[in-house]
Amino acid sequence: MIFFSPQQLRRALKEYMEHYHRERNHQGLSILLIEPDDSVGSVAGKIECRERLGGMLKYYHRAA
């Protein structure tokens, strides 16, 4: 990615940190999330994809 301003870099870092803490599985935590949402682990609902950074980061979850 090429950033043209500090604001763009800050936004990209914020998006990545949200993904890292709330959506990415971690091997050191037995494939768990650091800060899971309340809906994580539900078995009912349609599976949806959340994209961050223009689709570079993807997270699949069930709709509440």
Protein backbone atom coordinates (compact mmCIF):
# COMPACT_ATOMS: atom_id res chain seq x y z
CA MET A 1 0.00 0.00 0.00
CA ILE A 2 1.12 3.52 -0.70
CA PHE A 3 0.03 6.23 1.71
CA PHE A 4 -0.08 9.86 0.64
CA SER A 5 -0.79 11.40 4.03
CA PRO A 6 -0.37 10.63 7.73
CA GLN A 7 -4.16 10.37 8.01
CA GLN A 8 -4.26 7.53 5.50
CA LEU A 9 -1.54 5.68 7.40
CA ARG A 10 -3.38 6.15 10.72
CA ARG A 11 -6.63 4.87 9.22
CA ALA A 12 -4.91 1.79 7.78
CA LEU A 13 -3.21 1.05 11.11
CA LYS A 14 -6.51 1.47 12.97
CA GLU A 15 -8.25 -0.93 10.58
CA TYR A 16 -5.45 -3.48 10.95
CA MET A 17 -5.49 -3.28 14.76
CA GLU A 18 -9.28 -3.79 14.80
CA HIS A 19 -8.81 -6.87 12.60
CA TYR A 20 -5.90 -8.15 14.68
CA HIS A 21 -7.68 -7.86 18.04
CA ARG A 22 -11.29 -8.68 17.11
CA GLU A 23 -11.27 -10.84 13.97
CA ARG A 24 -7.98 -12.74 13.61
CA ASN A 25 -7.47 -16.17 15.17
CA HIS A 26 -4.26 -16.55 17.20
CA GLN A 27 -2.33 -19.82 17.43
CA GLY A 28 -0.89 -18.91 20.83
CA LEU A 29 -4.45 -18.64 22.19
CA SER A 30 -5.58 -22.06 20.88
CA ILE A 31 -7.04 -20.46 17.72
CA LEU A 32 -9.16 -17.99 19.72
CA LEU A 33 -9.77 -14.27 19.29
CA ILE A 34 -8.20 -11.70 21.64
CA GLU A 35 -11.36 -9.56 22.04
CA PRO A 36 -14.30 -11.50 20.54
CA ASP A 37 -17.69 -9.89 19.94
CA ASP A 38 -20.72 -11.26 21.80
CA SER A 39 -21.98 -12.97 18.64
CA VAL A 40 -18.81 -15.04 18.11
CA GLY A 41 -19.56 -18.74 18.25
CA SER A 42 -23.23 -18.53 17.28
CA VAL A 43 -24.51 -21.33 15.07
CA ALA A 44 -27.59 -19.59 13.68
CA GLY A 45 -27.61 -16.97 10.95
CA LYS A 46 -26.24 -16.38 7.49
CA ILE A 47 -22.47 -16.34 7.05
CA GLU A 48 -21.22 -12.93 5.95
CA CYS A 49 -17.81 -11.54 5.00
CA ARG A 50 -16.43 -8.33 6.47
CA GLU A 51 -13.60 -6.75 4.49
CA ARG A 52 -11.06 -4.24 5.69
CA LEU A 53 -8.40 -2.26 3.81
CA GLY A 54 -10.07 -2.66 0.45
CA GLY A 55 -10.47 -6.44 0.77
CA MET A 56 -6.91 -7.20 1.86
CA LEU A 57 -8.19 -8.43 5.24
CA LYS A 58 -11.30 -10.63 5.36
CA TYR A 59 -13.32 -11.93 8.29
CA TYR A 60 -16.19 -14.39 7.97
CA HIS A 61 -18.89 -14.33 10.64
CA ARG A 62 -22.51 -15.22 11.21
CA ALA A 63 -25.06 -12.42 11.03
CA ALA A 64 -26.80 -11.74 14.34
